[in-house]
Amino acid sequence: REAGIPVWVTVIRTVEEAFTSLARM
């Protein structure tokens, strides 16, 4: 990020979070 590169960090601990997180990503 300090080098100016956008980094998208996922938080996935459950199957339901996977669906929501991947769609947003």
mmCIF file of all heavy atoms, coordinates in Angstrom:
data_MODEL
# 
_entry.id   MODEL 
# 
loop_
_atom_site.group_PDB 
_atom_site.id 
_atom_site.type_symbol 
_atom_site.label_atom_id 
_atom_site.label_alt_id 
_atom_site.label_comp_id 
_atom_site.label_asym_id 
_atom_site.label_entity_id 
_atom_site.label_seq_id 
_atom_site.pdbx_PDB_ins_code 
_atom_site.Cartn_x 
_atom_site.Cartn_y 
_atom_site.Cartn_z 
_atom_site.occupancy 
_atom_site.B_iso_or_equiv 
_atom_site.pdbx_formal_charge 
_atom_site.auth_seq_id 
_atom_site.auth_comp_id 
_atom_site.auth_asym_id 
_atom_site.auth_atom_id 
_atom_site.pdbx_PDB_model_num 
ATOM 1   N N   . ARG A 1 1  ? 0.834   -1.210  0.000  1.00 0.00 ? 1  ARG A N   1 
ATOM 2   C CA  . ARG A 1 1  ? 0.000   0.000   0.000  1.00 0.00 ? 1  ARG A CA  1 
ATOM 3   C C   . ARG A 1 1  ? 0.860   1.248   0.000  1.00 0.00 ? 1  ARG A C   1 
ATOM 4   O O   . ARG A 1 1  ? 0.543   2.229   -0.689 1.00 0.00 ? 1  ARG A O   1 
ATOM 5   C CB  . ARG A 1 1  ? -0.926  -0.028  1.209  1.00 0.00 ? 1  ARG A CB  1 
ATOM 6   C CG  . ARG A 1 1  ? -2.087  -1.011  1.047  1.00 0.00 ? 1  ARG A CG  1 
ATOM 7   C CD  . ARG A 1 1  ? -2.907  -1.141  2.315  1.00 0.00 ? 1  ARG A CD  1 
ATOM 8   N NE  . ARG A 1 1  ? -4.130  -1.911  2.081  1.00 0.00 ? 1  ARG A NE  1 
ATOM 9   C CZ  . ARG A 1 1  ? -4.818  -2.535  3.035  1.00 0.00 ? 1  ARG A CZ  1 
ATOM 10  N NH1 . ARG A 1 1  ? -4.399  -2.461  4.301  1.00 0.00 ? 1  ARG A NH1 1 
ATOM 11  N NH2 . ARG A 1 1  ? -5.904  -3.216  2.730  1.00 0.00 ? 1  ARG A NH2 1 
ATOM 12  N N   . GLU A 1 2  ? 1.972   1.211   0.744  1.00 0.00 ? 2  GLU A N   1 
ATOM 13  C CA  . GLU A 1 2  ? 2.864   2.377   0.767  1.00 0.00 ? 2  GLU A CA  1 
ATOM 14  C C   . GLU A 1 2  ? 3.527   2.603   -0.587 1.00 0.00 ? 2  GLU A C   1 
ATOM 15  O O   . GLU A 1 2  ? 3.931   3.731   -0.900 1.00 0.00 ? 2  GLU A O   1 
ATOM 16  C CB  . GLU A 1 2  ? 3.913   2.190   1.863  1.00 0.00 ? 2  GLU A CB  1 
ATOM 17  C CG  . GLU A 1 2  ? 3.335   2.300   3.271  1.00 0.00 ? 2  GLU A CG  1 
ATOM 18  C CD  . GLU A 1 2  ? 4.340   1.963   4.362  1.00 0.00 ? 2  GLU A CD  1 
ATOM 19  O OE1 . GLU A 1 2  ? 5.447   1.496   4.014  1.00 0.00 ? 2  GLU A OE1 1 
ATOM 20  O OE2 . GLU A 1 2  ? 4.008   2.148   5.549  1.00 0.00 ? 2  GLU A OE2 1 
ATOM 21  N N   . ALA A 1 3  ? 3.596   1.533   -1.384 1.00 0.00 ? 3  ALA A N   1 
ATOM 22  C CA  . ALA A 1 3  ? 4.134   1.662   -2.740 1.00 0.00 ? 3  ALA A CA  1 
ATOM 23  C C   . ALA A 1 3  ? 3.074   2.141   -3.730 1.00 0.00 ? 3  ALA A C   1 
ATOM 24  O O   . ALA A 1 3  ? 3.353   2.245   -4.934 1.00 0.00 ? 3  ALA A O   1 
ATOM 25  C CB  . ALA A 1 3  ? 4.717   0.327   -3.198 1.00 0.00 ? 3  ALA A CB  1 
ATOM 26  N N   . GLY A 1 4  ? 1.887   2.421   -3.236 1.00 0.00 ? 4  GLY A N   1 
ATOM 27  C CA  . GLY A 1 4  ? 0.829   2.949   -4.088 1.00 0.00 ? 4  GLY A CA  1 
ATOM 28  C C   . GLY A 1 4  ? -0.033  1.897   -4.752 1.00 0.00 ? 4  GLY A C   1 
ATOM 29  O O   . GLY A 1 4  ? -0.798  2.210   -5.682 1.00 0.00 ? 4  GLY A O   1 
ATOM 30  N N   . ILE A 1 5  ? 0.066   0.638   -4.293 1.00 0.00 ? 5  ILE A N   1 
ATOM 31  C CA  . ILE A 1 5  ? -0.701  -0.450  -4.901 1.00 0.00 ? 5  ILE A CA  1 
ATOM 32  C C   . ILE A 1 5  ? -1.952  -0.721  -4.068 1.00 0.00 ? 5  ILE A C   1 
ATOM 33  O O   . ILE A 1 5  ? -1.859  -0.965  -2.864 1.00 0.00 ? 5  ILE A O   1 
ATOM 34  C CB  . ILE A 1 5  ? 0.153   -1.728  -4.986 1.00 0.00 ? 5  ILE A CB  1 
ATOM 35  C CG1 . ILE A 1 5  ? 1.377   -1.475  -5.878 1.00 0.00 ? 5  ILE A CG1 1 
ATOM 36  C CG2 . ILE A 1 5  ? -0.666  -2.889  -5.528 1.00 0.00 ? 5  ILE A CG2 1 
ATOM 37  C CD1 . ILE A 1 5  ? 2.373   -2.608  -5.863 1.00 0.00 ? 5  ILE A CD1 1 
ATOM 38  N N   . PRO A 1 6  ? -3.139  -0.704  -4.678 1.00 0.00 ? 6  PRO A N   1 
ATOM 39  C CA  . PRO A 1 6  ? -4.346  -1.027  -3.935 1.00 0.00 ? 6  PRO A CA  1 
ATOM 40  C C   . PRO A 1 6  ? -4.366  -2.501  -3.533 1.00 0.00 ? 6  PRO A C   1 
ATOM 41  O O   . PRO A 1 6  ? -4.160  -3.376  -4.380 1.00 0.00 ? 6  PRO A O   1 
ATOM 42  C CB  . PRO A 1 6  ? -5.483  -0.722  -4.928 1.00 0.00 ? 6  PRO A CB  1 
ATOM 43  C CG  . PRO A 1 6  ? -4.878  0.162   -5.960 1.00 0.00 ? 6  PRO A CG  1 
ATOM 44  C CD  . PRO A 1 6  ? -3.447  -0.257  -6.049 1.00 0.00 ? 6  PRO A CD  1 
ATOM 45  N N   . VAL A 1 7  ? -4.564  -2.778  -2.249 1.00 0.00 ? 7  VAL A N   1 
ATOM 46  C CA  . VAL A 1 7  ? -4.623  -4.141  -1.746 1.00 0.00 ? 7  VAL A CA  1 
ATOM 47  C C   . VAL A 1 7  ? -5.993  -4.374  -1.122 1.00 0.00 ? 7  VAL A C   1 
ATOM 48  O O   . VAL A 1 7  ? -6.407  -3.626  -0.233 1.00 0.00 ? 7  VAL A O   1 
ATOM 49  C CB  . VAL A 1 7  ? -3.518  -4.422  -0.700 1.00 0.00 ? 7  VAL A CB  1 
ATOM 50  C CG1 . VAL A 1 7  ? -3.594  -5.881  -0.234 1.00 0.00 ? 7  VAL A CG1 1 
ATOM 51  C CG2 . VAL A 1 7  ? -2.135  -4.111  -1.268 1.00 0.00 ? 7  VAL A CG2 1 
ATOM 52  N N   . TRP A 1 8  ? -6.674  -5.401  -1.610 1.00 0.00 ? 8  TRP A N   1 
ATOM 53  C CA  . TRP A 1 8  ? -7.984  -5.778  -1.069 1.00 0.00 ? 8  TRP A CA  1 
ATOM 54  C C   . TRP A 1 8  ? -7.775  -7.013  -0.181 1.00 0.00 ? 8  TRP A C   1 
ATOM 55  O O   . TRP A 1 8  ? -7.311  -8.043  -0.644 1.00 0.00 ? 8  TRP A O   1 
ATOM 56  C CB  . TRP A 1 8  ? -8.952  -6.101  -2.192 1.00 0.00 ? 8  TRP A CB  1 
ATOM 57  C CG  . TRP A 1 8  ? -10.338 -6.480  -1.735 1.00 0.00 ? 8  TRP A CG  1 
ATOM 58  C CD1 . TRP A 1 8  ? -10.759 -7.717  -1.326 1.00 0.00 ? 8  TRP A CD1 1 
ATOM 59  C CD2 . TRP A 1 8  ? -11.476 -5.625  -1.638 1.00 0.00 ? 8  TRP A CD2 1 
ATOM 60  N NE1 . TRP A 1 8  ? -12.087 -7.689  -0.984 1.00 0.00 ? 8  TRP A NE1 1 
ATOM 61  C CE2 . TRP A 1 8  ? -12.565 -6.415  -1.172 1.00 0.00 ? 8  TRP A CE2 1 
ATOM 62  C CE3 . TRP A 1 8  ? -11.697 -4.275  -1.912 1.00 0.00 ? 8  TRP A CE3 1 
ATOM 63  C CZ2 . TRP A 1 8  ? -13.843 -5.889  -0.962 1.00 0.00 ? 8  TRP A CZ2 1 
ATOM 64  C CZ3 . TRP A 1 8  ? -12.975 -3.753  -1.708 1.00 0.00 ? 8  TRP A CZ3 1 
ATOM 65  C CH2 . TRP A 1 8  ? -14.029 -4.549  -1.240 1.00 0.00 ? 8  TRP A CH2 1 
ATOM 66  N N   . VAL A 1 9  ? -8.117  -6.881  1.107  1.00 0.00 ? 9  VAL A N   1 
ATOM 67  C CA  . VAL A 1 9  ? -7.906  -7.962  2.067  1.00 0.00 ? 9  VAL A CA  1 
ATOM 68  C C   . VAL A 1 9  ? -9.250  -8.603  2.420  1.00 0.00 ? 9  VAL A C   1 
ATOM 69  O O   . VAL A 1 9  ? -10.185 -7.907  2.830  1.00 0.00 ? 9  VAL A O   1 
ATOM 70  C CB  . VAL A 1 9  ? -7.214  -7.456  3.344  1.00 0.00 ? 9  VAL A CB  1 
ATOM 71  C CG1 . VAL A 1 9  ? -6.975  -8.615  4.319  1.00 0.00 ? 9  VAL A CG1 1 
ATOM 72  C CG2 . VAL A 1 9  ? -5.889  -6.781  3.000  1.00 0.00 ? 9  VAL A CG2 1 
ATOM 73  N N   . THR A 1 10 ? -9.331  -9.907  2.245  1.00 0.00 ? 10 THR A N   1 
ATOM 74  C CA  . THR A 1 10 ? -10.547 -10.638 2.582  1.00 0.00 ? 10 THR A CA  1 
ATOM 75  C C   . THR A 1 10 ? -10.465 -11.185 4.002  1.00 0.00 ? 10 THR A C   1 
ATOM 76  O O   . THR A 1 10 ? -9.389  -11.471 4.522  1.00 0.00 ? 10 THR A O   1 
ATOM 77  C CB  . THR A 1 10 ? -10.770 -11.815 1.618  1.00 0.00 ? 10 THR A CB  1 
ATOM 78  O OG1 . THR A 1 10 ? -9.645  -12.702 1.697  1.00 0.00 ? 10 THR A OG1 1 
ATOM 79  C CG2 . THR A 1 10 ? -10.926 -11.327 0.189  1.00 0.00 ? 10 THR A CG2 1 
ATOM 80  N N   . VAL A 1 11 ? -11.631 -11.339 4.616  1.00 0.00 ? 11 VAL A N   1 
ATOM 81  C CA  . VAL A 1 11 ? -11.765 -12.001 5.917  1.00 0.00 ? 11 VAL A CA  1 
ATOM 82  C C   . VAL A 1 11 ? -12.817 -13.083 5.738  1.00 0.00 ? 11 VAL A C   1 
ATOM 83  O O   . VAL A 1 11 ? -14.000 -12.787 5.572  1.00 0.00 ? 11 VAL A O   1 
ATOM 84  C CB  . VAL A 1 11 ? -12.184 -11.023 7.025  1.00 0.00 ? 11 VAL A CB  1 
ATOM 85  C CG1 . VAL A 1 11 ? -12.403 -11.773 8.345  1.00 0.00 ? 11 VAL A CG1 1 
ATOM 86  C CG2 . VAL A 1 11 ? -11.138 -9.928  7.204  1.00 0.00 ? 11 VAL A CG2 1 
ATOM 87  N N   . ILE A 1 12 ? -12.388 -14.337 5.737  1.00 0.00 ? 12 ILE A N   1 
ATOM 88  C CA  . ILE A 1 12 ? -13.297 -15.457 5.455  1.00 0.00 ? 12 ILE A CA  1 
ATOM 89  C C   . ILE A 1 12 ? -13.072 -16.535 6.506  1.00 0.00 ? 12 ILE A C   1 
ATOM 90  O O   . ILE A 1 12 ? -12.030 -17.193 6.517  1.00 0.00 ? 12 ILE A O   1 
ATOM 91  C CB  . ILE A 1 12 ? -13.081 -16.011 4.035  1.00 0.00 ? 12 ILE A CB  1 
ATOM 92  C CG1 . ILE A 1 12 ? -13.393 -14.922 2.994  1.00 0.00 ? 12 ILE A CG1 1 
ATOM 93  C CG2 . ILE A 1 12 ? -13.947 -17.244 3.799  1.00 0.00 ? 12 ILE A CG2 1 
ATOM 94  C CD1 . ILE A 1 12 ? -13.105 -15.340 1.563  1.00 0.00 ? 12 ILE A CD1 1 
ATOM 95  N N   . ARG A 1 13 ? -14.057 -16.705 7.389  1.00 0.00 ? 13 ARG A N   1 
ATOM 96  C CA  . ARG A 1 13 ? -13.969 -17.710 8.448  1.00 0.00 ? 13 ARG A CA  1 
ATOM 97  C C   . ARG A 1 13 ? -15.109 -18.710 8.396  1.00 0.00 ? 13 ARG A C   1 
ATOM 98  O O   . ARG A 1 13 ? -15.091 -19.706 9.110  1.00 0.00 ? 13 ARG A O   1 
ATOM 99  C CB  . ARG A 1 13 ? -13.955 -17.029 9.822  1.00 0.00 ? 13 ARG A CB  1 
ATOM 100 C CG  . ARG A 1 13 ? -12.744 -16.144 10.075 1.00 0.00 ? 13 ARG A CG  1 
ATOM 101 C CD  . ARG A 1 13 ? -13.006 -15.108 11.128 1.00 0.00 ? 13 ARG A CD  1 
ATOM 102 N NE  . ARG A 1 13 ? -14.066 -14.194 10.691 1.00 0.00 ? 13 ARG A NE  1 
ATOM 103 C CZ  . ARG A 1 13 ? -14.298 -13.000 11.230 1.00 0.00 ? 13 ARG A CZ  1 
ATOM 104 N NH1 . ARG A 1 13 ? -13.555 -12.574 12.231 1.00 0.00 ? 13 ARG A NH1 1 
ATOM 105 N NH2 . ARG A 1 13 ? -15.277 -12.239 10.778 1.00 0.00 ? 13 ARG A NH2 1 
ATOM 106 N N   . THR A 1 14 ? -16.115 -18.417 7.564  1.00 0.00 ? 14 THR A N   1 
ATOM 107 C CA  . THR A 1 14 ? -17.265 -19.301 7.431  1.00 0.00 ? 14 THR A CA  1 
ATOM 108 C C   . THR A 1 14 ? -17.658 -19.403 5.963  1.00 0.00 ? 14 THR A C   1 
ATOM 109 O O   . THR A 1 14 ? -17.240 -18.586 5.132  1.00 0.00 ? 14 THR A O   1 
ATOM 110 C CB  . THR A 1 14 ? -18.478 -18.777 8.225  1.00 0.00 ? 14 THR A CB  1 
ATOM 111 O OG1 . THR A 1 14 ? -18.944 -17.559 7.612  1.00 0.00 ? 14 THR A OG1 1 
ATOM 112 C CG2 . THR A 1 14 ? -18.133 -18.503 9.680  1.00 0.00 ? 14 THR A CG2 1 
ATOM 113 N N   . VAL A 1 15 ? -18.472 -20.388 5.660  1.00 0.00 ? 15 VAL A N   1 
ATOM 114 C CA  . VAL A 1 15 ? -18.971 -20.547 4.293  1.00 0.00 ? 15 VAL A CA  1 
ATOM 115 C C   . VAL A 1 15 ? -19.785 -19.325 3.896  1.00 0.00 ? 15 VAL A C   1 
ATOM 116 O O   . VAL A 1 15 ? -19.660 -18.802 2.779  1.00 0.00 ? 15 VAL A O   1 
ATOM 117 C CB  . VAL A 1 15 ? -19.801 -21.839 4.173  1.00 0.00 ? 15 VAL A CB  1 
ATOM 118 C CG1 . VAL A 1 15 ? -20.472 -21.935 2.802  1.00 0.00 ? 15 VAL A CG1 1 
ATOM 119 C CG2 . VAL A 1 15 ? -18.918 -23.057 4.425  1.00 0.00 ? 15 VAL A CG2 1 
ATOM 120 N N   . GLU A 1 16 ? -20.622 -18.839 4.800  1.00 0.00 ? 16 GLU A N   1 
ATOM 121 C CA  . GLU A 1 16 ? -21.446 -17.669 4.487  1.00 0.00 ? 16 GLU A CA  1 
ATOM 122 C C   . GLU A 1 16 ? -20.573 -16.447 4.226  1.00 0.00 ? 16 GLU A C   1 
ATOM 123 O O   . GLU A 1 16 ? -20.851 -15.653 3.304  1.00 0.00 ? 16 GLU A O   1 
ATOM 124 C CB  . GLU A 1 16 ? -22.417 -17.390 5.636  1.00 0.00 ? 16 GLU A CB  1 
ATOM 125 C CG  . GLU A 1 16 ? -23.531 -16.420 5.279  1.00 0.00 ? 16 GLU A CG  1 
ATOM 126 C CD  . GLU A 1 16 ? -24.403 -16.926 4.144  1.00 0.00 ? 16 GLU A CD  1 
ATOM 127 O OE1 . GLU A 1 16 ? -24.724 -18.116 4.108  1.00 0.00 ? 16 GLU A OE1 1 
ATOM 128 O OE2 . GLU A 1 16 ? -24.773 -16.094 3.280  1.00 0.00 ? 16 GLU A OE2 1 
ATOM 129 N N   . GLU A 1 17 ? -19.527 -16.274 5.024  1.00 0.00 ? 17 GLU A N   1 
ATOM 130 C CA  . GLU A 1 17 ? -18.608 -15.155 4.770  1.00 0.00 ? 17 GLU A CA  1 
ATOM 131 C C   . GLU A 1 17 ? -17.931 -15.294 3.414  1.00 0.00 ? 17 GLU A C   1 
ATOM 132 O O   . GLU A 1 17 ? -17.664 -14.285 2.747  1.00 0.00 ? 17 GLU A O   1 
ATOM 133 C CB  . GLU A 1 17 ? -17.551 -15.087 5.867  1.00 0.00 ? 17 GLU A CB  1 
ATOM 134 C CG  . GLU A 1 17 ? -18.025 -14.437 7.153  1.00 0.00 ? 17 GLU A CG  1 
ATOM 135 C CD  . GLU A 1 17 ? -16.915 -14.269 8.169  1.00 0.00 ? 17 GLU A CD  1 
ATOM 136 O OE1 . GLU A 1 17 ? -15.878 -14.949 8.060  1.00 0.00 ? 17 GLU A OE1 1 
ATOM 137 O OE2 . GLU A 1 17 ? -17.094 -13.445 9.091  1.00 0.00 ? 17 GLU A OE2 1 
ATOM 138 N N   . ALA A 1 18 ? -17.664 -16.516 2.992  1.00 0.00 ? 18 ALA A N   1 
ATOM 139 C CA  . ALA A 1 18 ? -17.050 -16.720 1.683  1.00 0.00 ? 18 ALA A CA  1 
ATOM 140 C C   . ALA A 1 18 ? -17.947 -16.180 0.578  1.00 0.00 ? 18 ALA A C   1 
ATOM 141 O O   . ALA A 1 18 ? -17.474 -15.483 -0.336 1.00 0.00 ? 18 ALA A O   1 
ATOM 142 C CB  . ALA A 1 18 ? -16.761 -18.202 1.458  1.00 0.00 ? 18 ALA A CB  1 
ATOM 143 N N   . PHE A 1 19 ? -19.227 -16.498 0.639  1.00 0.00 ? 19 PHE A N   1 
ATOM 144 C CA  . PHE A 1 19 ? -20.146 -16.021 -0.401 1.00 0.00 ? 19 PHE A CA  1 
ATOM 145 C C   . PHE A 1 19 ? -20.183 -14.495 -0.442 1.00 0.00 ? 19 PHE A C   1 
ATOM 146 O O   . PHE A 1 19 ? -20.085 -13.878 -1.503 1.00 0.00 ? 19 PHE A O   1 
ATOM 147 C CB  . PHE A 1 19 ? -21.555 -16.567 -0.160 1.00 0.00 ? 19 PHE A CB  1 
ATOM 148 C CG  . PHE A 1 19 ? -21.649 -18.061 -0.197 1.00 0.00 ? 19 PHE A CG  1 
ATOM 149 C CD1 . PHE A 1 19 ? -22.490 -18.740 0.676  1.00 0.00 ? 19 PHE A CD1 1 
ATOM 150 C CD2 . PHE A 1 19 ? -20.899 -18.803 -1.088 1.00 0.00 ? 19 PHE A CD2 1 
ATOM 151 C CE1 . PHE A 1 19 ? -22.582 -20.123 0.650  1.00 0.00 ? 19 PHE A CE1 1 
ATOM 152 C CE2 . PHE A 1 19 ? -20.982 -20.180 -1.124 1.00 0.00 ? 19 PHE A CE2 1 
ATOM 153 C CZ  . PHE A 1 19 ? -21.828 -20.841 -0.244 1.00 0.00 ? 19 PHE A CZ  1 
ATOM 154 N N   . THR A 1 20 ? -20.320 -13.885 0.721  1.00 0.00 ? 20 THR A N   1 
ATOM 155 C CA  . THR A 1 20 ? -20.415 -12.420 0.789  1.00 0.00 ? 20 THR A CA  1 
ATOM 156 C C   . THR A 1 20 ? -19.107 -11.763 0.393  1.00 0.00 ? 20 THR A C   1 
ATOM 157 O O   . THR A 1 20 ? -19.078 -10.805 -0.392 1.00 0.00 ? 20 THR A O   1 
ATOM 158 C CB  . THR A 1 20 ? -20.804 -11.996 2.215  1.00 0.00 ? 20 THR A CB  1 
ATOM 159 O OG1 . THR A 1 20 ? -22.055 -12.597 2.566  1.00 0.00 ? 20 THR A OG1 1 
ATOM 160 C CG2 . THR A 1 20 ? -20.937 -10.485 2.314  1.00 0.00 ? 20 THR A CG2 1 
ATOM 161 N N   . SER A 1 21 ? -18.006 -12.274 0.926  1.00 0.00 ? 21 SER A N   1 
ATOM 162 C CA  . SER A 1 21 ? -16.702 -11.670 0.676  1.00 0.00 ? 21 SER A CA  1 
ATOM 163 C C   . SER A 1 21 ? -16.301 -11.771 -0.794 1.00 0.00 ? 21 SER A C   1 
ATOM 164 O O   . SER A 1 21 ? -15.803 -10.799 -1.390 1.00 0.00 ? 21 SER A O   1 
ATOM 165 C CB  . SER A 1 21 ? -15.642 -12.334 1.560  1.00 0.00 ? 21 SER A CB  1 
ATOM 166 O OG  . SER A 1 21 ? -14.363 -11.814 1.304  1.00 0.00 ? 21 SER A OG  1 
ATOM 167 N N   . LEU A 1 22 ? -16.499 -12.944 -1.399 1.00 0.00 ? 22 LEU A N   1 
ATOM 168 C CA  . LEU A 1 22 ? -16.104 -13.117 -2.792 1.00 0.00 ? 22 LEU A CA  1 
ATOM 169 C C   . LEU A 1 22 ? -16.944 -12.246 -3.720 1.00 0.00 ? 22 LEU A C   1 
ATOM 170 O O   . LEU A 1 22 ? -16.421 -11.664 -4.682 1.00 0.00 ? 22 LEU A O   1 
ATOM 171 C CB  . LEU A 1 22 ? -16.209 -14.586 -3.188 1.00 0.00 ? 22 LEU A CB  1 
ATOM 172 C CG  . LEU A 1 22 ? -15.168 -15.509 -2.550 1.00 0.00 ? 22 LEU A CG  1 
ATOM 173 C CD1 . LEU A 1 22 ? -15.510 -16.969 -2.832 1.00 0.00 ? 22 LEU A CD1 1 
ATOM 174 C CD2 . LEU A 1 22 ? -13.766 -15.184 -3.056 1.00 0.00 ? 22 LEU A CD2 1 
ATOM 175 N N   . ALA A 1 23 ? -18.233 -12.135 -3.448 1.00 0.00 ? 23 ALA A N   1 
ATOM 176 C CA  . ALA A 1 23 ? -19.083 -11.274 -4.277 1.00 0.00 ? 23 ALA A CA  1 
ATOM 177 C C   . ALA A 1 23 ? -18.606 -9.830  -4.199 1.00 0.00 ? 23 ALA A C   1 
ATOM 178 O O   . ALA A 1 23 ? -18.495 -9.131  -5.225 1.00 0.00 ? 23 ALA A O   1 
ATOM 179 C CB  . ALA A 1 23 ? -20.540 -11.387 -3.833 1.00 0.00 ? 23 ALA A CB  1 
ATOM 180 N N   . ARG A 1 24 ? -18.299 -9.359  -2.995 1.00 0.00 ? 24 ARG A N   1 
ATOM 181 C CA  . ARG A 1 24 ? -17.799 -7.991  -2.830 1.00 0.00 ? 24 ARG A CA  1 
ATOM 182 C C   . ARG A 1 24 ? -16.449 -7.820  -3.516 1.00 0.00 ? 24 ARG A C   1 
ATOM 183 O O   . ARG A 1 24 ? -16.179 -6.785  -4.153 1.00 0.00 ? 24 ARG A O   1 
ATOM 184 C CB  . ARG A 1 24 ? -17.671 -7.645  -1.349 1.00 0.00 ? 24 ARG A CB  1 
ATOM 185 C CG  . ARG A 1 24 ? -18.987 -7.537  -0.607 1.00 0.00 ? 24 ARG A CG  1 
ATOM 186 C CD  . ARG A 1 24 ? -18.770 -7.113  0.843  1.00 0.00 ? 24 ARG A CD  1 
ATOM 187 N NE  . ARG A 1 24 ? -18.257 -5.757  0.901  1.00 0.00 ? 24 ARG A NE  1 
ATOM 188 C CZ  . ARG A 1 24 ? -17.045 -5.412  1.332  1.00 0.00 ? 24 ARG A CZ  1 
ATOM 189 N NH1 . ARG A 1 24 ? -16.188 -6.337  1.720  1.00 0.00 ? 24 ARG A NH1 1 
ATOM 190 N NH2 . ARG A 1 24 ? -16.668 -4.146  1.359  1.00 0.00 ? 24 ARG A NH2 1 
ATOM 191 N N   . MET A 1 25 ? -15.583 -8.816  -3.389 1.00 0.00 ? 25 MET A N   1 
ATOM 192 C CA  . MET A 1 25 ? -14.262 -8.726  -3.998 1.00 0.00 ? 25 MET A CA  1 
ATOM 193 C C   . MET A 1 25 ? -14.355 -8.558  -5.515 1.00 0.00 ? 25 MET A C   1 
ATOM 194 O O   . MET A 1 25 ? -13.679 -7.700  -6.108 1.00 0.00 ? 25 MET A O   1 
ATOM 195 C CB  . MET A 1 25 ? -13.443 -9.980  -3.660 1.00 0.00 ? 25 MET A CB  1 
ATOM 196 C CG  . MET A 1 25 ? -12.030 -9.977  -4.213 1.00 0.00 ? 25 MET A CG  1 
ATOM 197 S SD  . MET A 1 25 ? -11.219 -11.589 -4.041 1.00 0.00 ? 25 MET A SD  1 
ATOM 198 C CE  . MET A 1 25 ? -11.939 -12.463 -5.464 1.00 0.00 ? 25 MET A CE  1 
# 
